[in-house]
Protein backbone atom coordinates (compact mmCIF):
# COMPACT_ATOMS: atom_id res chain seq x y z
CA MET A 1 0.00 0.00 0.00
CA MET A 2 1.06 3.65 -0.32
CA ASN A 3 3.25 5.38 2.25
CA ARG A 4 4.08 9.03 1.61
CA ASP A 5 7.23 9.17 3.74
CA LYS A 6 8.62 6.11 1.97
CA MET A 7 7.78 7.62 -1.42
CA LEU A 8 9.53 10.88 -0.52
CA SER A 9 12.63 8.96 0.55
CA GLU A 10 12.64 7.10 -2.77
CA LEU A 11 12.33 10.38 -4.66
CA LYS A 12 15.27 11.98 -2.87
CA ALA A 13 17.44 8.89 -3.25
CA LEU A 14 17.00 8.49 -7.01
CA GLU A 15 19.34 10.53 -9.19
CA GLU A 16 17.02 10.74 -12.20
CA TYR A 17 13.61 9.44 -13.27
CA ASP A 18 12.82 8.32 -16.78
CA VAL A 19 9.41 10.01 -16.69
CA ILE A 20 7.97 12.69 -14.41
CA VAL A 21 4.21 13.24 -14.70
CA ILE A 22 2.77 16.49 -13.35
CA GLY A 23 -0.88 16.10 -12.33
CA GLY A 24 -2.78 13.46 -10.36
CA GLY A 25 -6.08 13.38 -12.23
CA ALA A 26 -7.33 10.74 -14.66
CA SER A 27 -4.92 11.52 -17.50
CA GLY A 28 -1.87 11.89 -15.23
CA LEU A 29 -2.58 8.70 -13.28
CA GLY A 30 -3.25 6.79 -16.49
CA THR A 31 0.00 8.01 -18.04
CA ALA A 32 2.06 7.15 -14.95
CA LEU A 33 0.58 3.64 -14.84
CA ASP A 34 1.27 2.97 -18.53
CA SER A 35 4.81 4.33 -18.11
CA CYS A 36 5.46 2.02 -15.13
CA LEU A 37 4.08 -0.98 -17.00
CA ARG A 38 6.46 -0.33 -19.90
CA GLY A 39 9.36 -0.49 -17.45
CA TYR A 40 10.18 3.20 -17.06
CA LYS A 41 11.16 4.63 -13.67
CA THR A 42 8.20 6.91 -13.13
CA LEU A 43 7.28 9.71 -10.73
CA LEU A 44 3.87 11.38 -10.46
CA LEU A 45 3.47 14.68 -8.59
CA GLU A 46 0.13 16.21 -7.56
CA GLN A 47 0.04 19.61 -5.85
CA HIS A 48 -3.17 18.88 -3.93
CA ASP A 49 -4.63 15.37 -3.76
CA PHE A 50 -5.30 12.70 -6.38
CA ALA A 51 -8.45 13.59 -8.35
CA LYS A 52 -8.85 16.84 -6.40
CA GLY A 53 -10.10 18.62 -9.52
CA THR A 54 -12.31 17.58 -12.41
CA SER A 55 -11.54 13.88 -11.98
CA SER A 56 -13.66 13.64 -8.79
CA ARG A 57 -16.44 15.94 -10.03
CA SER A 58 -17.90 14.08 -13.01
CA THR A 59 -21.40 12.70 -13.68
CA LYS A 60 -20.06 9.30 -12.48
CA LEU A 61 -20.55 7.75 -15.94
CA ALA A 62 -18.23 5.56 -17.99
CA HIS A 63 -19.92 6.24 -21.30
CA GLY A 64 -19.48 6.72 -25.00
CA GLY A 65 -21.13 10.12 -25.06
CA VAL A 66 -24.53 10.12 -26.73
CA ARG A 67 -24.35 13.85 -27.42
CA TYR A 68 -21.11 13.44 -29.39
CA LEU A 69 -22.86 10.94 -31.64
CA LYS A 70 -25.50 13.58 -32.30
CA GLN A 71 -22.69 16.01 -33.22
CA GLY A 72 -21.27 13.48 -35.67
CA ASP A 73 -18.07 12.82 -33.70
CA VAL A 74 -18.23 9.12 -34.53
CA ALA A 75 -14.54 8.39 -33.98
CA MET A 76 -14.60 9.71 -30.45
CA VAL A 77 -17.78 7.82 -29.53
CA ARG A 78 -16.34 4.57 -30.92
CA GLU A 79 -13.15 5.09 -28.92
CA ALA A 80 -15.06 5.91 -25.72
CA LEU A 81 -17.35 2.89 -26.07
CA ARG A 82 -14.35 0.59 -26.45
CA GLU A 83 -12.67 2.17 -23.43
CA ARG A 84 -15.88 1.91 -21.40
CA GLY A 85 -15.82 -1.84 -21.95
CA LEU A 86 -12.15 -2.07 -20.94
CA MET A 87 -12.81 -0.10 -17.73
CA LYS A 88 -15.44 -2.64 -16.74
CA GLU A 89 -13.26 -5.63 -17.66
CA ASN A 90 -10.23 -4.36 -15.75
CA ALA A 91 -12.05 -2.99 -12.68
CA PRO A 92 -15.44 -4.72 -12.23
CA HIS A 93 -15.48 -3.67 -8.57
CA LEU A 94 -15.63 -0.05 -9.70
CA VAL A 95 -17.51 0.01 -13.03
CA HIS A 96 -21.04 -1.34 -13.40
CA ASP A 97 -23.72 -1.68 -16.07
CA GLN A 98 -26.44 0.94 -15.72
CA LYS A 99 -29.85 1.02 -17.41
CA PHE A 100 -30.89 4.36 -18.90
CA ILE A 101 -34.36 5.41 -19.96
CA VAL A 102 -34.97 8.20 -22.47
CA PRO A 103 -38.59 9.27 -21.79
CA VAL A 104 -40.56 9.87 -24.99
CA TYR A 105 -43.25 12.54 -24.99
CA ASP A 106 -43.38 13.11 -28.75
CA TRP A 107 -43.95 10.36 -31.34
CA TRP A 108 -41.40 11.98 -33.65
CA ASP A 109 -38.69 11.45 -31.04
CA ALA A 110 -39.17 7.68 -30.67
CA PRO A 111 -37.67 6.53 -34.01
CA LEU A 112 -34.96 9.19 -33.80
CA TYR A 113 -33.73 8.10 -30.37
CA THR A 114 -34.13 4.39 -31.12
CA THR A 115 -32.12 4.62 -34.34
CA GLY A 116 -29.39 6.70 -32.70
CA LEU A 117 -29.01 4.32 -29.79
CA LYS A 118 -29.00 1.28 -32.10
CA VAL A 119 -25.99 2.89 -33.78
CA TYR A 120 -24.53 3.29 -30.27
CA ASP A 121 -25.02 -0.48 -29.73
CA VAL A 122 -23.34 -1.41 -33.00
CA MET A 123 -20.36 0.83 -32.26
CA SER A 124 -19.91 -0.86 -28.87
CA GLY A 125 -19.16 -4.17 -30.61
CA LYS A 126 -18.29 -7.12 -28.38
CA LEU A 127 -17.79 -4.74 -25.44
CA GLY A 128 -21.44 -3.69 -25.50
CA LEU A 129 -23.37 -3.80 -22.22
CA GLY A 130 -26.82 -4.67 -23.62
CA PRO A 131 -29.18 -3.90 -26.52
CA SER A 132 -31.24 -0.72 -26.68
CA GLU A 133 -34.96 -0.93 -27.45
CA MET A 134 -38.19 1.03 -27.53
CA ILE A 135 -40.38 0.15 -24.54
CA SER A 136 -44.02 0.85 -23.75
CA LYS A 137 -45.36 3.48 -21.39
CA GLU A 138 -46.16 0.75 -18.86
CA ARG A 139 -42.63 -0.70 -18.90
CA THR A 140 -41.14 2.79 -18.74
CA ILE A 141 -43.11 3.44 -15.55
CA GLU A 142 -42.00 0.07 -14.16
CA HIS A 143 -38.40 1.21 -14.57
CA ILE A 144 -39.03 4.72 -13.17
CA PRO A 145 -42.21 4.67 -11.05
CA ASN A 146 -42.13 8.38 -10.22
CA LEU A 147 -41.55 9.63 -13.77
CA ASN A 148 -43.87 12.42 -14.89
CA GLN A 149 -46.61 10.54 -16.81
CA GLU A 150 -48.39 13.53 -18.33
CA GLY A 151 -48.08 13.07 -22.10
CA LEU A 152 -45.69 10.12 -21.68
CA LEU A 153 -45.78 7.79 -24.69
CA GLY A 154 -43.05 5.35 -23.74
CA GLY A 155 -39.30 5.28 -23.54
CA VAL A 156 -36.09 4.09 -25.13
CA ARG A 157 -33.94 1.86 -22.91
CA TYR A 158 -30.19 1.57 -23.38
CA TYR A 159 -27.11 0.67 -21.32
CA ASP A 160 -24.01 2.55 -20.29
CA GLY A 161 -21.51 2.38 -17.45
CA GLN A 162 -21.52 3.94 -13.97
CA PHE A 163 -18.61 4.33 -11.53
CA ASP A 164 -17.12 6.26 -8.63
CA ASP A 165 -14.59 8.62 -10.20
CA ALA A 166 -12.46 9.47 -7.15
CA ARG A 167 -12.27 5.83 -6.08
CA TYR A 168 -11.25 4.81 -9.60
CA ALA A 169 -8.49 7.45 -9.44
CA MET A 170 -7.34 6.08 -6.08
CA THR A 171 -7.32 2.58 -7.56
CA LEU A 172 -5.06 3.79 -10.38
CA ALA A 173 -2.75 5.35 -7.78
CA LEU A 174 -2.61 2.09 -5.83
CA THR A 175 -1.92 0.14 -9.02
CA ILE A 176 0.97 2.48 -9.88
CA SER A 177 2.38 1.82 -6.41
CA ASP A 178 1.89 -1.93 -6.90
CA TYR A 179 4.06 -1.76 -10.02
CA GLY A 180 6.87 0.24 -8.43
CA GLY A 181 5.98 3.78 -9.40
CA THR A 182 6.62 6.74 -7.11
CA ILE A 183 3.47 8.78 -6.54
CA LEU A 184 3.09 11.81 -4.27
CA ASN A 185 0.23 14.11 -3.38
CA HIS A 186 0.59 17.60 -1.86
CA VAL A 187 3.81 18.21 -3.79
CA LYS A 188 3.67 21.23 -6.10
CA VAL A 189 5.80 21.79 -9.20
CA THR A 190 6.99 25.39 -8.93
CA GLY A 191 9.23 25.51 -11.99
CA LEU A 192 10.89 23.58 -14.80
CA ILE A 193 14.60 22.78 -15.05
CA LYS A 194 16.27 22.96 -18.47
CA ASN A 195 19.64 21.74 -19.71
CA ASP A 196 22.13 23.61 -21.89
CA ASP A 197 20.07 22.72 -24.97
CA GLU A 198 16.95 24.32 -23.45
CA LYS A 199 15.26 20.94 -23.09
CA VAL A 200 13.32 20.20 -19.91
CA SER A 201 15.36 17.98 -17.62
CA GLY A 202 13.60 18.17 -14.28
CA VAL A 203 11.31 20.11 -11.98
CA HIS A 204 11.52 22.39 -8.96
CA VAL A 205 9.06 21.19 -6.34
CA LYS A 206 7.70 22.17 -2.96
CA ASP A 207 6.24 19.82 -0.36
CA MET A 208 3.01 21.63 0.53
CA LEU A 209 2.80 19.91 3.93
CA THR A 210 6.28 20.81 5.17
CA ALA A 211 7.25 23.72 2.85
CA GLU A 212 10.49 21.87 1.94
CA ALA A 213 11.74 22.74 -1.56
CA PHE A 214 13.96 20.54 -3.73
CA GLU A 215 14.74 19.52 -7.31
CA VAL A 216 13.97 16.31 -9.17
CA LYS A 217 15.65 15.32 -12.41
CA GLY A 218 13.75 13.56 -15.20
CA LYS A 219 14.48 12.58 -18.81
CA ILE A 220 10.94 13.34 -19.97
CA ILE A 221 8.40 15.66 -18.31
CA VAL A 222 4.65 15.28 -18.93
CA ASN A 223 2.17 18.08 -18.23
CA ALA A 224 -1.16 16.40 -17.36
CA THR A 225 -2.70 19.13 -15.23
CA GLY A 226 -6.12 19.41 -16.89
CA VAL A 227 -7.51 22.94 -16.90
CA PHE A 228 -4.18 24.12 -15.47
CA VAL A 229 -1.96 22.95 -18.36
CA ASP A 230 -1.46 26.56 -19.46
CA LYS A 231 0.25 27.40 -16.15
CA ILE A 232 2.90 24.73 -16.72
CA LEU A 233 3.24 25.76 -20.38
CA LYS A 234 3.79 29.34 -19.19
CA MET A 235 6.66 28.09 -17.01
CA ASP A 236 8.12 26.56 -20.14
CA ASN A 237 7.61 29.60 -22.37
CA GLU A 238 6.57 33.03 -21.13
CA GLU A 239 5.14 33.80 -24.58
CA HIS A 240 2.73 30.85 -24.44
CA LYS A 241 -0.85 31.64 -25.53
CA ARG A 242 -3.70 29.92 -23.67
CA MET A 243 -4.83 26.68 -25.33
CA VAL A 244 -7.59 25.57 -22.93
CA SER A 245 -11.13 26.91 -23.11
CA PRO A 246 -12.50 25.87 -19.70
CA SER A 247 -16.13 24.96 -19.24
CA GLN A 248 -17.91 24.40 -15.94
CA GLY A 249 -20.26 21.49 -15.34
CA VAL A 250 -22.47 21.52 -12.25
CA HIS A 251 -24.27 18.61 -10.55
CA VAL A 252 -26.64 18.40 -7.61
CA ILE A 253 -27.08 15.43 -5.27
CA LEU A 254 -30.63 14.46 -4.22
CA ASP A 255 -32.07 11.67 -2.12
CA LYS A 256 -33.00 8.46 -3.93
CA GLU A 257 -36.73 9.14 -3.37
CA PHE A 258 -36.61 11.51 -6.33
CA LEU A 259 -35.71 8.68 -8.74
CA GLN A 260 -37.35 5.46 -7.65
CA GLY A 261 -36.23 2.26 -9.30
CA ALA A 262 -32.74 1.31 -10.45
CA SER A 263 -32.75 3.03 -13.86
CA SER A 264 -31.30 6.41 -14.82
CA ILE A 265 -33.00 9.13 -16.83
CA MET A 266 -31.30 10.63 -19.85
CA VAL A 267 -32.79 13.82 -21.28
CA PRO A 268 -31.27 14.14 -24.77
CA ARG A 269 -32.30 17.72 -25.47
CA THR A 270 -32.57 20.38 -22.77
CA SER A 271 -33.36 24.06 -23.32
CA ASP A 272 -29.64 24.88 -23.60
CA GLY A 273 -28.95 22.05 -26.07
CA ARG A 274 -27.19 19.79 -23.57
CA VAL A 275 -27.88 16.29 -22.34
CA LEU A 276 -29.09 16.01 -18.73
CA PHE A 277 -28.73 12.88 -16.59
CA ALA A 278 -30.31 11.71 -13.34
CA VAL A 279 -28.21 8.74 -12.20
CA PRO A 280 -28.49 6.51 -9.11
CA TRP A 281 -25.25 6.71 -7.09
CA TYR A 282 -25.04 4.78 -3.82
CA ASP A 283 -28.18 5.84 -1.90
CA LYS A 284 -28.47 9.16 -3.74
CA ILE A 285 -28.90 10.43 -7.30
CA VAL A 286 -26.61 12.69 -9.30
CA VAL A 287 -28.41 15.21 -11.52
CA GLY A 288 -26.55 17.28 -14.12
CA THR A 289 -24.82 18.69 -15.95
CA THR A 290 -24.52 22.29 -17.13
CA ASP A 291 -22.00 23.76 -19.54
CA THR A 292 -20.88 27.29 -18.72
CA PRO A 293 -17.84 28.89 -20.41
CA LEU A 294 -15.35 30.37 -17.94
CA LYS A 295 -12.54 32.87 -18.30
CA LYS A 296 -10.72 31.88 -15.11
CA VAL A 297 -10.11 28.54 -13.41
CA SER A 298 -9.79 27.69 -9.73
CA HIS A 299 -9.15 24.60 -7.62
CA GLU A 300 -12.54 24.99 -5.93
CA PRO A 301 -15.02 26.12 -8.61
CA ARG A 302 -18.45 27.10 -7.35
CA ALA A 303 -21.84 26.54 -8.95
CA LEU A 304 -23.59 29.65 -10.27
CA GLU A 305 -27.15 30.35 -9.17
CA ASP A 306 -28.54 30.08 -12.71
CA GLU A 307 -26.84 26.68 -13.15
CA ILE A 308 -28.51 25.33 -10.01
CA ASP A 309 -31.89 26.73 -11.07
CA PHE A 310 -31.51 25.24 -14.56
CA ILE A 311 -30.86 21.72 -13.20
CA LEU A 312 -33.72 21.83 -10.69
CA LYS A 313 -36.22 23.24 -13.20
CA THR A 314 -35.24 20.75 -15.91
CA ALA A 315 -35.42 17.80 -13.49
CA ALA A 316 -38.85 18.96 -12.33
CA LYS A 317 -40.23 18.49 -15.85
CA TYR A 318 -39.54 14.75 -15.65
CA LEU A 319 -40.12 13.90 -11.98
CA ASN A 320 -43.40 13.71 -10.07
CA LYS A 321 -41.83 15.33 -7.05
CA THR A 322 -40.28 18.72 -7.76
CA PRO A 323 -36.79 19.06 -6.23
CA THR A 324 -36.10 22.29 -4.38
CA ARG A 325 -32.95 23.90 -3.06
CA ALA A 326 -33.81 22.51 0.38
CA ASP A 327 -33.64 18.96 -1.04
CA VAL A 328 -30.08 19.33 -2.35
CA LYS A 329 -27.62 17.33 -0.23
CA SER A 330 -24.61 18.72 -2.04
CA VAL A 331 -23.80 20.72 -5.15
CA TYR A 332 -20.46 20.49 -6.93
CA ALA A 333 -18.77 21.96 -9.97
CA GLY A 334 -16.08 20.50 -12.22
CA LEU A 335 -14.03 22.18 -14.94
CA ARG A 336 -13.58 20.59 -18.37
CA PRO A 337 -10.23 21.21 -20.12
CA LEU A 338 -11.64 21.71 -23.61
CA VAL A 339 -9.18 22.54 -26.37
CA LYS A 340 -9.64 26.16 -27.32
CA LYS A 341 -11.39 26.94 -30.60
CA GLN A 342 -12.46 30.20 -32.14
CA LYS A 343 -16.16 31.15 -32.00
CA ALA A 344 -17.42 27.82 -30.68
CA GLU A 345 -19.84 27.19 -27.84
CA THR A 346 -18.30 24.90 -25.23
CA LYS A 347 -21.09 22.33 -25.51
CA ASN A 348 -20.17 21.94 -29.20
CA ILE A 349 -16.42 21.60 -28.64
CA SER A 350 -15.20 18.00 -28.95
CA ARG A 351 -13.79 16.25 -25.90
CA SER A 352 -11.16 14.55 -28.09
CA HIS A 353 -7.72 14.79 -26.53
CA LYS A 354 -4.58 16.28 -27.98
CA ILE A 355 -0.92 15.72 -27.18
CA VAL A 356 1.40 18.66 -27.74
CA VAL A 357 5.20 18.55 -27.74
CA SER A 358 6.89 21.88 -27.01
CA ASP A 359 10.27 22.95 -28.39
CA SER A 360 11.69 22.11 -24.96
CA ASN A 361 10.36 18.51 -25.29
CA LEU A 362 7.73 19.16 -22.62
CA ILE A 363 4.80 16.85 -23.42
CA THR A 364 1.30 18.18 -22.68
CA ILE A 365 -1.95 16.18 -22.63
CA VAL A 366 -5.08 18.28 -23.03
CA GLY A 367 -8.79 17.57 -23.55
CA GLY A 368 -10.35 14.15 -23.33
CA LYS A 369 -12.66 12.75 -20.66
CA TRP A 370 -12.63 10.15 -17.89
CA THR A 371 -13.81 7.26 -20.05
CA THR A 372 -10.91 7.66 -22.50
CA TYR A 373 -8.18 8.09 -19.89
CA ARG A 374 -6.45 4.81 -20.82
CA GLN A 375 -6.22 5.67 -24.53
CA MET A 376 -4.98 9.15 -23.67
CA ALA A 377 -2.27 7.58 -21.53
CA GLU A 378 -1.27 5.12 -24.25
CA ASP A 379 -0.92 7.98 -26.75
CA ALA A 380 1.08 10.00 -24.22
CA VAL A 381 3.57 7.21 -23.48
CA ASP A 382 3.93 6.47 -27.21
CA THR A 383 4.85 10.15 -27.54
CA ILE A 384 7.29 9.88 -24.62
CA GLU A 385 9.12 7.07 -26.41
CA ARG A 386 9.20 9.03 -29.65
CA VAL A 387 10.49 12.24 -28.03
CA GLY A 388 13.03 10.34 -25.94
CA LYS A 389 14.13 8.30 -28.97
CA TRP A 390 13.58 5.16 -26.89
CA PRO A 391 12.81 1.73 -28.37
CA ALA A 392 9.05 1.21 -28.52
CA VAL A 393 7.64 -1.00 -25.75
CA LYS A 394 4.23 -2.59 -26.15
CA CYS A 395 1.38 -1.00 -24.17
CA ILE A 396 -0.35 -3.63 -21.99
CA THR A 397 -2.91 -1.52 -20.10
CA LYS A 398 -5.79 -3.14 -22.00
CA GLU A 399 -5.06 -6.40 -20.20
CA VAL A 400 -3.85 -5.26 -16.76
CA LEU A 401 -6.31 -5.79 -13.91
CA LEU A 402 -6.44 -2.86 -11.52
CA HIS A 403 -5.74 -2.98 -7.80
CA GLY A 404 -8.49 -4.72 -5.83
CA TYR A 405 -9.93 -6.49 -8.91
CA LYS A 406 -12.93 -8.57 -7.89
CA LYS A 407 -16.12 -9.65 -9.62
CA GLY A 408 -19.57 -10.23 -8.19
CA LEU A 409 -19.67 -7.55 -5.50
CA ASP A 410 -22.92 -5.85 -4.49
CA ARG A 411 -22.76 -2.49 -6.26
CA SER A 412 -25.22 -0.95 -3.78
CA ASP A 413 -22.69 -1.54 -0.99
CA VAL A 414 -20.48 1.53 -0.65
CA ARG A 415 -17.60 -0.75 0.38
CA SER A 416 -17.65 -2.65 -2.92
CA VAL A 417 -15.20 -0.10 -4.35
CA TYR A 418 -12.41 -1.64 -2.27
CA GLY A 419 -12.66 -4.96 -4.11
CA ASN A 420 -10.20 -7.50 -2.72
CA ASP A 421 -9.06 -5.05 -0.06
CA LEU A 422 -12.40 -5.57 1.70
CA GLN A 423 -11.09 -8.57 3.63
CA LYS A 424 -8.19 -6.49 4.93
CA ILE A 425 -10.57 -3.78 6.16
CA ASP A 426 -12.72 -6.43 7.81
CA GLN A 427 -9.60 -7.68 9.59
CA LEU A 428 -9.07 -4.16 10.94
CA THR A 429 -12.54 -4.12 12.47
CA GLU A 430 -12.01 -7.55 14.05
CA ASN A 431 -8.88 -6.27 15.77
CA VAL A 432 -10.45 -2.91 16.71
CA PRO A 433 -14.25 -3.33 16.97
CA SER A 434 -14.83 0.41 17.49
CA LEU A 435 -13.86 0.97 13.84
CA LYS A 436 -17.12 -0.72 12.79
CA LYS A 437 -19.11 2.27 14.02
CA LYS A 438 -20.75 4.46 11.34
CA LEU A 439 -19.51 8.02 11.03
CA HIS A 440 -23.07 9.39 10.96
CA LYS A 441 -26.59 8.00 10.57
CA ASP A 442 -26.93 9.79 7.21
CA LEU A 443 -23.59 8.60 5.81
CA PRO A 444 -22.76 5.03 4.65
CA TYR A 445 -19.16 5.01 5.92
CA THR A 446 -17.48 3.68 9.06
CA PHE A 447 -14.39 4.73 11.00
CA ALA A 448 -12.63 1.76 9.40
CA ASP A 449 -12.91 3.53 6.03
CA VAL A 450 -11.25 6.60 7.55
CA TYR A 451 -8.48 4.48 9.09
CA TRP A 452 -7.88 2.65 5.81
CA GLY A 453 -7.73 5.83 3.73
CA THR A 454 -5.29 7.48 6.12
CA GLU A 455 -3.01 4.54 6.88
CA PHE A 456 -2.89 2.87 3.47
CA GLU A 457 -4.14 5.33 0.80
CA MET A 458 -2.02 8.41 1.55
CA ALA A 459 -4.83 10.68 2.80
CA MET A 460 -3.01 13.56 4.46
CA THR A 461 -5.82 16.03 5.19
CA LEU A 462 -9.40 15.91 6.43
CA GLU A 463 -10.56 16.90 2.95
CA ASP A 464 -8.65 13.99 1.39
CA VAL A 465 -10.67 11.55 3.51
CA LEU A 466 -14.11 13.16 3.48
CA ALA A 467 -14.11 14.27 -0.18
CA ARG A 468 -12.26 11.50 -2.02
CA ARG A 469 -11.22 8.41 0.04
CA THR A 470 -14.87 8.43 1.10
CA ARG A 471 -17.52 10.52 -0.70
CA CYS A 472 -19.06 12.09 2.40
CA LEU A 473 -18.75 15.63 1.04
CA LEU A 474 -20.77 14.87 -2.09
CA LEU A 475 -23.29 12.48 -0.55
CA ASN A 476 -24.22 14.78 2.32
CA ALA A 477 -22.15 17.91 2.86
CA LYS A 478 -23.99 18.90 6.06
CA ALA A 479 -23.46 15.50 7.69
CA SER A 480 -19.79 15.55 6.66
CA ILE A 481 -19.30 18.82 8.56
CA LYS A 482 -20.81 17.26 11.68
CA VAL A 483 -18.41 14.29 11.64
CA ALA A 484 -15.32 16.35 10.80
CA PRO A 485 -14.00 16.70 14.40
CA LYS A 486 -14.21 12.94 15.11
CA VAL A 487 -12.58 12.08 11.77
CA ALA A 488 -9.79 14.62 12.36
CA LYS A 489 -9.13 13.11 15.79
CA LEU A 490 -8.76 9.59 14.37
CA MET A 491 -6.51 10.87 11.57
CA SER A 492 -4.28 12.83 13.94
CA GLY A 493 -3.56 9.68 15.94
CA ILE A 494 -2.55 7.79 12.78
CA LEU A 495 -0.47 10.65 11.35
CA GLY A 496 1.12 11.65 14.65
CA LYS A 497 -0.44 15.11 14.72
CA ASP A 498 -1.64 17.23 17.65
CA GLU A 499 -4.84 19.00 18.71
CA GLU A 500 -3.79 22.20 16.93
CA TRP A 501 -3.60 20.24 13.64
CA GLU A 502 -7.06 18.78 14.28
CA ASN A 503 -8.60 22.21 14.91
CA GLU A 504 -6.96 23.71 11.83
CA GLN A 505 -8.11 20.81 9.64
CA VAL A 506 -11.70 21.10 10.89
CA LYS A 507 -11.70 24.86 10.32
CA LYS A 508 -10.43 24.46 6.74
CA TYR A 509 -12.85 21.66 5.97
CA LYS A 510 -15.91 23.48 7.27
CA LYS A 511 -15.06 26.46 5.09
CA LEU A 512 -14.67 24.18 2.05
CA ALA A 513 -17.84 22.14 2.70
CA LYS A 514 -20.07 25.18 3.16
CA GLY A 515 -19.43 25.91 -0.52
CA TYR A 516 -21.23 22.64 -1.35
CA LEU A 517 -24.39 23.64 0.54
CA LEU A 518 -27.29 25.72 -0.76
CA ILE A 519 -28.91 26.46 2.61
């Protein structure tokens, strides 16, 4: 399992890495794993925590992207559908089949949606999750009992994938560690080192927990920082012009009572031209998303009032019970690193990724989405070999089973995401029975989950545990604030911290979590 002190010691002891990856989101983690599997000595650095940004703030779908099919981006949909199938094959404890219903209220829509989703099926090939079909009004209501029935003619049923994004990211981090990679959170890259030929040859870094600064040498440097790629590119070249056109997507979390049954709703055409989803996730539902162009990016983006209103009003058109602001358990925003184009609305910009090689040999990955992370990584490491003039090594990530791999787990059990590590957590609770206690009556986690995340998954702050090792912040932000002091106390004992650290962590977390609440 991962130990930060041990990783730091390894970093300081090694004279030079083959590959240094900057960024601990989906694309960075994927690239570091592929690099390790090809035999390269690899280091990944993340200035906050793994999946702190966009990679923990998605719609929780491993999907091809129905809206991109509508836009005619067939190549990207085909790629995403293939990758969706691989995600499920390599991590069945994290990725599950999910039924989706497209409610039909206009006869003209039925053949259109059915035909489009049949194309979706064909493009999935042997990695398809199930056939789409037109279903009657009665069967549609069976799937979603509390769907608005006024004018309902029937529905189109299809299948896609559903997952826990932050836990998938943590699983990638653990797999990198399993294969000998060095991976560190809370270590910020503050500058690039160049050799006499003006090629990047290392990074200046700062440990954000201790303020220690040092240098790390690397043969190839990869910039996989999502919406922040332009900051690293600016370090490389002060004349760099911005290449990312960020877009904000907002989601709200509601209780499961708003979407009875096990199926999701997909609204293919909202008033702003986007697709809207309502997806079961643990004992809640995720509803979103919006698409708002932004001029500036931040590590803690906040939902705009009109985005929240848009989601609630759109959802109300399809649900018997109208969701209000008081019903929202949490609201979160994620930033999409879309490749900048002239005079294009962000919802019409392709999510296809690009890999850019600077004159300094800095390699930058930009664009893409969670579902295609593995292909993005493969392309990035192919580029690493080309830039480094190294002999090509076969990519094997299509076949590698991720940490904790286990089939047949109950997807409704929040602990299923641990896969084969479950038995180790159970052993903890046998040795220390108090760890079996739930954090809060409105949260599905126990103190054992906190212990595990801190001791074995490199959680270093209260936010790391409550936002990403567990999903307390998203599932119920108010309840997560209430348990913060007890969680901080347990963490401080494991990390060797004092009461002052506990108080500071609780203060910081409460300030963060209040931004996820509407009332």
